[in-house]
């Protein structure tokens, strides 16, 4: 019999998303109405000019959030961009968001004017999980970020480095093929299996073949990704710290961070710079010991932990 490969359905928003949004809107309005009411009233009498791109109409406090309810987010973005153009402005709670849906404009934003648009928003999750936004995804644009980019370019993505891990890739792919061939009469979730294979390749390339905590760290990263992918209302109102507290998100993130930090600390303590050319051994050679480094700046242990996480997060990008 032939193997049945099961492809998961596209990302679906939770069934109770709409009801949660309505209920949360009512609750949030009670807290916000007195605080922001005067501000909106005073601003309504002012003539404010703006260079922001066009976008859909906005509600007080919630902005454009209601335009994204009712279908898959990427489909709603496409529909809105067809109406308002390839450069569109959405106000998601307190956060102004510019949506680019044109190849030409994307080149202008990401390449031609990359330095201008390089700053990244700071979210609570990034602050806690990514050691104060010190990985390449969330660190502020500047010398430190440029040095991290140099590490990625010269080490993570260099032709020599990629080639050095060829045997690891071949071994993990062979394991996947054998697994599929041994389960020809079973249903296989191919996405999960390929994802697990990729996690294993990155883990072995980062920590080496003898890391006993590899599986535990992969599980930690998967938990982080579930938190990142979940709908998180407090991120839409970053100035309202109390939302992170009453929602339990801050407690959850700190607990998750502690578990991952202990794992990374354990892995780093066992590692040495003499290991077989994995990423961790290279990063340890750049650790702050008072001597100059090839990238110009020394790295702390927390910097190294943050950089190691980037490999796994990049799987979802």
Protein backbone atom coordinates (compact mmCIF):
# COMPACT_ATOMS: atom_id res chain seq x y z
CA UNK A 1 0.00 0.00 0.00
CA UNK A 2 1.14 3.55 -0.64
CA UNK A 3 1.97 5.90 2.19
CA UNK A 4 -0.70 8.43 3.04
CA UNK A 5 0.90 11.81 3.67
CA UNK A 6 -1.34 14.07 5.72
CA UNK A 7 -1.01 17.78 5.05
CA UNK A 8 -2.41 19.92 7.88
CA UNK A 9 -5.02 22.52 7.07
CA UNK A 10 -3.88 26.15 6.83
CA UNK A 11 -3.62 28.07 10.05
CA UNK A 12 -7.06 28.52 11.53
CA UNK A 13 -7.99 31.17 14.08
CA UNK A 14 -9.56 29.75 17.19
CA UNK A 15 -13.32 29.25 17.04
CA UNK A 16 -13.89 31.49 20.00
CA UNK A 17 -11.72 34.32 18.67
CA UNK A 18 -14.66 36.48 17.64
CA UNK A 19 -16.50 36.06 20.94
CA UNK A 20 -13.31 36.66 22.89
CA UNK A 21 -12.64 39.83 20.92
CA UNK A 22 -16.14 41.16 21.57
CA UNK A 23 -16.00 40.35 25.28
CA UNK A 24 -12.52 41.74 25.66
CA UNK A 25 -13.54 44.91 23.81
CA UNK A 26 -16.34 45.53 26.29
CA UNK A 27 -14.09 44.94 29.29
CA UNK A 28 -11.24 47.01 27.91
CA UNK A 29 -13.56 49.88 27.07
CA UNK A 30 -14.54 50.22 30.72
CA UNK A 31 -10.90 50.69 31.73
CA UNK A 32 -9.89 52.93 28.87
CA UNK A 33 -12.87 55.17 28.21
CA UNK A 34 -12.20 57.61 31.06
CA UNK A 35 -8.47 57.65 30.49
CA UNK A 36 -8.49 58.36 26.76
CA UNK A 37 -11.83 60.07 26.33
CA UNK A 38 -10.50 63.56 27.01
CA UNK A 39 -7.55 63.00 24.73
CA UNK A 40 -9.71 61.99 21.78
CA UNK A 41 -12.05 64.91 22.43
CA UNK A 42 -9.25 67.47 22.47
CA UNK A 43 -7.63 66.03 19.37
CA UNK A 44 -10.89 66.10 17.47
CA UNK A 45 -10.73 69.92 17.44
CA UNK A 46 -7.21 69.98 16.04
CA UNK A 47 -6.23 69.84 12.40
CA UNK A 48 -3.62 67.12 12.24
CA UNK A 49 -1.81 66.44 9.00
CA UNK A 50 -0.28 63.04 8.40
CA UNK A 51 1.88 61.40 5.78
CA UNK A 52 0.66 57.93 6.66
CA UNK A 53 -0.50 55.71 3.77
CA UNK A 54 -4.24 55.15 3.26
CA UNK A 55 -6.04 52.50 5.25
CA UNK A 56 -9.45 51.38 6.53
CA UNK A 57 -11.44 53.44 9.01
CA UNK A 58 -10.51 53.08 12.66
CA UNK A 59 -12.31 52.70 15.96
CA UNK A 60 -11.21 54.62 19.05
CA UNK A 61 -8.76 52.58 21.12
CA UNK A 62 -8.97 49.44 18.94
CA UNK A 63 -8.02 51.02 15.64
CA UNK A 64 -8.29 48.63 12.67
CA UNK A 65 -8.46 45.35 14.58
CA UNK A 66 -12.10 44.74 13.67
CA UNK A 67 -11.20 44.67 9.95
CA UNK A 68 -9.16 41.49 10.52
CA UNK A 69 -11.99 39.49 12.14
CA UNK A 70 -13.97 36.99 10.12
CA UNK A 71 -11.44 35.21 7.92
CA UNK A 72 -7.81 34.15 7.76
CA UNK A 73 -5.48 37.11 8.45
CA UNK A 74 -3.52 36.83 5.20
CA UNK A 75 -6.75 36.73 3.20
CA UNK A 76 -8.08 39.85 4.94
CA UNK A 77 -4.77 41.61 4.31
CA UNK A 78 -5.04 40.78 0.62
CA UNK A 79 -8.61 42.06 0.43
CA UNK A 80 -7.72 45.28 2.23
CA UNK A 81 -4.63 45.89 0.09
CA UNK A 82 -6.71 45.46 -3.06
CA UNK A 83 -8.91 48.28 -1.79
CA UNK A 84 -6.35 50.63 -0.23
CA UNK A 85 -3.26 49.91 -2.29
CA UNK A 86 0.11 48.14 -1.97
CA UNK A 87 1.20 50.49 0.84
CA UNK A 88 -1.42 50.47 3.59
CA UNK A 89 -1.66 51.73 7.17
CA UNK A 90 -3.37 49.71 9.92
CA UNK A 91 -3.71 50.81 13.53
CA UNK A 92 -3.69 47.65 15.66
CA UNK A 93 -4.55 48.90 19.11
CA UNK A 94 -1.75 51.34 19.97
CA UNK A 95 0.55 50.01 17.28
CA UNK A 96 0.81 51.64 13.86
CA UNK A 97 1.51 49.03 11.20
CA UNK A 98 2.49 49.60 7.58
CA UNK A 99 1.53 46.71 5.29
CA UNK A 100 3.55 46.32 2.08
CA UNK A 101 2.10 44.03 -0.57
CA UNK A 102 4.14 45.05 -3.62
CA UNK A 103 7.49 43.60 -4.66
CA UNK A 104 8.75 46.99 -5.82
CA UNK A 105 7.83 48.76 -2.58
CA UNK A 106 9.23 45.88 -0.52
CA UNK A 107 12.60 46.37 -2.24
CA UNK A 108 12.45 50.08 -1.40
CA UNK A 109 11.68 49.35 2.25
CA UNK A 110 13.94 46.35 2.89
CA UNK A 111 16.88 47.11 0.62
CA UNK A 112 17.11 50.65 -0.72
CA UNK A 113 16.04 52.27 2.57
CA UNK A 114 16.85 49.36 4.85
CA UNK A 115 18.63 51.44 7.51
CA UNK A 116 15.67 53.81 7.83
CA UNK A 117 13.20 50.98 8.47
CA UNK A 118 15.56 48.77 10.48
CA UNK A 119 14.22 49.59 13.94
CA UNK A 120 12.15 46.82 15.48
CA UNK A 121 9.31 47.14 17.98
CA UNK A 122 10.06 45.87 21.48
CA UNK A 123 7.49 43.42 22.82
CA UNK A 124 7.29 41.87 26.26
CA UNK A 125 7.89 38.38 24.86
CA UNK A 126 11.08 39.49 23.12
CA UNK A 127 12.26 41.34 26.22
CA UNK A 128 11.85 38.26 28.41
CA UNK A 129 12.60 35.30 26.14
CA UNK A 130 15.31 36.96 24.01
CA UNK A 131 17.35 38.31 26.94
CA UNK A 132 16.36 41.94 26.59
CA UNK A 133 15.98 41.88 22.79
CA UNK A 134 19.63 40.92 22.20
CA UNK A 135 19.13 38.50 19.33
CA UNK A 136 19.27 39.61 15.70
CA UNK A 137 15.48 39.63 15.31
CA UNK A 138 14.71 42.22 17.97
CA UNK A 139 17.91 44.05 18.87
CA UNK A 140 17.90 47.79 18.04
CA UNK A 141 19.63 48.80 14.82
CA UNK A 142 23.18 49.81 15.64
CA UNK A 143 26.71 48.47 16.16
CA UNK A 144 25.60 45.43 18.15
CA UNK A 145 23.01 44.43 15.53
CA UNK A 146 25.55 44.87 12.71
CA UNK A 147 27.98 42.59 14.53
CA UNK A 148 25.27 39.95 14.95
CA UNK A 149 24.55 40.19 11.23
CA UNK A 150 28.26 39.67 10.58
CA UNK A 151 28.17 36.49 12.69
CA UNK A 152 25.21 35.20 10.69
CA UNK A 153 26.80 36.09 7.35
CA UNK A 154 30.31 34.83 8.07
CA UNK A 155 29.47 31.86 10.27
CA UNK A 156 25.87 30.69 10.15
CA UNK A 157 25.29 31.15 6.42
CA UNK A 158 28.79 30.96 4.93
CA UNK A 159 29.35 28.38 2.17
CA UNK A 160 32.08 26.71 4.20
CA UNK A 161 29.90 26.39 7.28
CA UNK A 162 26.90 25.06 5.36
CA UNK A 163 29.07 22.49 3.58
CA UNK A 164 30.62 21.34 6.85
CA UNK A 165 27.22 20.16 8.05
CA UNK A 166 26.43 18.18 4.90
CA UNK A 167 26.87 14.82 6.61
CA UNK A 168 24.44 15.85 9.37
CA UNK A 169 21.80 16.85 6.80
CA UNK A 170 22.24 13.63 4.85
CA UNK A 171 21.94 11.51 7.99
CA UNK A 172 18.78 13.23 9.21
CA UNK A 173 17.13 13.10 5.77
CA UNK A 174 17.94 9.38 5.56
CA UNK A 175 16.29 8.87 8.96
CA UNK A 176 13.15 10.60 7.71
CA UNK A 177 13.04 8.50 4.53
CA UNK A 178 13.46 5.29 6.54
CA UNK A 179 10.68 6.37 8.92
CA UNK A 180 8.29 7.00 6.02
CA UNK A 181 9.16 3.69 4.35
CA UNK A 182 8.55 1.79 7.60
CA UNK A 183 5.10 3.35 8.01
CA UNK A 184 3.67 2.77 4.55
CA UNK A 185 0.32 1.69 5.98
CA UNK A 186 0.01 4.56 8.43
CA UNK A 187 -1.01 8.18 8.17
CA UNK A 188 1.97 10.51 8.50
CA UNK A 189 1.92 14.20 9.26
CA UNK A 190 4.68 15.22 6.86
CA UNK A 191 4.90 18.79 8.17
CA UNK A 192 5.61 17.60 11.72
CA UNK A 193 8.19 15.09 10.55
CA UNK A 194 10.04 17.58 8.34
CA UNK A 195 9.95 20.14 11.14
CA UNK A 196 11.40 17.63 13.62
CA UNK A 197 14.10 16.72 11.12
CA UNK A 198 15.03 20.37 10.67
CA UNK A 199 15.12 20.95 14.43
CA UNK A 200 17.51 18.01 14.78
CA UNK A 201 19.81 19.30 12.02
CA UNK A 202 20.00 22.76 13.58
CA UNK A 203 20.50 21.37 17.07
CA UNK A 204 23.38 19.13 16.01
CA UNK A 205 24.95 21.99 14.04
CA UNK A 206 24.59 24.34 17.01
CA UNK A 207 25.55 22.11 19.92
CA UNK A 208 27.31 19.10 18.41
CA UNK A 209 26.36 15.43 18.27
CA UNK A 210 26.93 14.72 21.96
CA UNK A 211 24.44 17.16 23.47
CA UNK A 212 22.21 15.19 25.85
CA UNK A 213 19.86 18.14 26.35
CA UNK A 214 19.04 18.53 22.67
CA UNK A 215 15.51 17.11 22.83
CA UNK A 216 14.63 19.13 25.94
CA UNK A 217 15.77 22.35 24.28
CA UNK A 218 13.82 21.60 21.09
CA UNK A 219 10.71 21.10 23.25
CA UNK A 220 11.36 24.49 24.88
CA UNK A 221 11.60 26.19 21.48
CA UNK A 222 8.35 24.58 20.35
CA UNK A 223 6.61 25.94 23.46
CA UNK A 224 8.00 29.40 22.66
CA UNK A 225 6.66 29.19 19.11
CA UNK A 226 3.19 28.27 20.37
CA UNK A 227 3.19 31.36 22.58
CA UNK A 228 4.44 33.55 19.72
CA UNK A 229 1.82 32.24 17.29
CA UNK A 230 -1.08 32.63 19.72
CA UNK A 231 -3.35 35.68 19.66
CA UNK A 232 -1.93 38.05 22.28
CA UNK A 233 -4.06 41.12 22.99
CA UNK A 234 -1.55 42.80 25.39
CA UNK A 235 0.96 43.13 22.53
CA UNK A 236 -1.49 45.47 20.81
CA UNK A 237 -1.33 47.81 23.82
CA UNK A 238 2.36 47.77 24.84
CA UNK A 239 2.05 50.81 27.13
CA UNK A 240 -0.60 49.08 29.27
CA UNK A 241 1.63 46.81 31.32
CA UNK A 242 -1.25 45.77 33.56
CA UNK A 243 -2.74 43.84 30.64
CA UNK A 244 0.29 41.54 30.59
CA UNK A 245 -0.12 40.98 34.31
CA UNK A 246 -3.86 40.25 34.50
CA UNK A 247 -3.75 38.08 31.36
CA UNK A 248 -1.07 35.89 32.93
CA UNK A 249 1.17 36.36 29.89
CA UNK A 250 4.06 37.91 31.83
CA UNK A 251 4.06 35.05 34.35
CA UNK A 252 3.90 32.46 31.54
CA UNK A 253 6.77 34.08 29.63
CA UNK A 254 8.99 34.37 32.71
CA UNK A 255 8.36 30.75 33.66
CA UNK A 256 9.12 29.62 30.12
CA UNK A 257 12.26 31.74 30.03
CA UNK A 258 13.56 30.26 33.29
CA UNK A 259 13.22 26.71 31.97
CA UNK A 260 15.00 27.54 28.70
CA UNK A 261 17.71 29.54 30.45
CA UNK A 262 18.55 26.63 32.75
CA UNK A 263 18.85 24.32 29.74
CA UNK A 264 21.11 26.71 27.84
CA UNK A 265 23.23 27.30 30.94
CA UNK A 266 23.67 23.56 31.31
CA UNK A 267 24.58 23.12 27.63
CA UNK A 268 27.08 25.99 27.68
CA UNK A 269 28.75 24.79 30.88
CA UNK A 270 29.36 21.39 29.31
CA UNK A 271 30.67 22.81 26.04
CA UNK A 272 34.24 23.83 25.25
CA UNK A 273 35.78 25.84 22.45
CA UNK A 274 37.58 22.67 21.34
CA UNK A 275 34.44 20.93 20.09
CA UNK A 276 34.09 20.07 16.41
CA UNK A 277 33.42 23.44 14.86
CA UNK A 278 29.78 23.80 15.90
CA UNK A 279 28.17 27.21 16.33
CA UNK A 280 28.36 27.15 20.12
CA UNK A 281 32.12 26.59 20.13
CA UNK A 282 32.57 29.57 17.81
CA UNK A 283 30.38 31.82 19.97
CA UNK A 284 32.28 30.77 23.11
CA UNK A 285 35.48 31.90 21.42
CA UNK A 286 33.93 35.39 21.22
CA UNK A 287 32.89 35.44 24.86
CA UNK A 288 33.90 38.46 26.92
CA UNK A 289 37.28 37.64 28.42
CA UNK A 290 38.96 41.01 27.91
CA UNK A 291 40.63 40.11 24.60
CA UNK A 292 39.75 41.49 21.13
CA UNK A 293 37.44 39.40 18.95
CA UNK A 294 37.09 38.98 15.16
CA UNK A 295 33.74 40.79 15.14
CA UNK A 296 34.95 43.74 17.18
CA UNK A 297 32.80 43.27 20.28
CA UNK A 298 32.85 40.66 23.07
CA UNK A 299 29.76 38.61 23.77
CA UNK A 300 28.26 37.86 27.16
CA UNK A 301 26.79 34.48 28.07
CA UNK A 302 23.27 35.89 27.71
CA UNK A 303 24.16 37.23 24.24
CA UNK A 304 25.25 33.73 23.23
CA UNK A 305 22.01 32.24 24.55
CA UNK A 306 19.96 34.75 22.57
CA UNK A 307 21.90 34.06 19.36
CA UNK A 308 21.47 30.29 19.73
CA UNK A 309 17.69 30.73 19.86
CA UNK A 310 17.69 32.50 16.46
CA UNK A 311 18.45 29.25 14.60
CA UNK A 312 15.20 27.69 15.78
CA UNK A 313 12.97 30.74 15.40
CA UNK A 314 14.09 31.10 11.79
CA UNK A 315 12.30 27.82 10.99
CA UNK A 316 8.97 29.64 11.09
CA UNK A 317 10.02 32.63 9.00
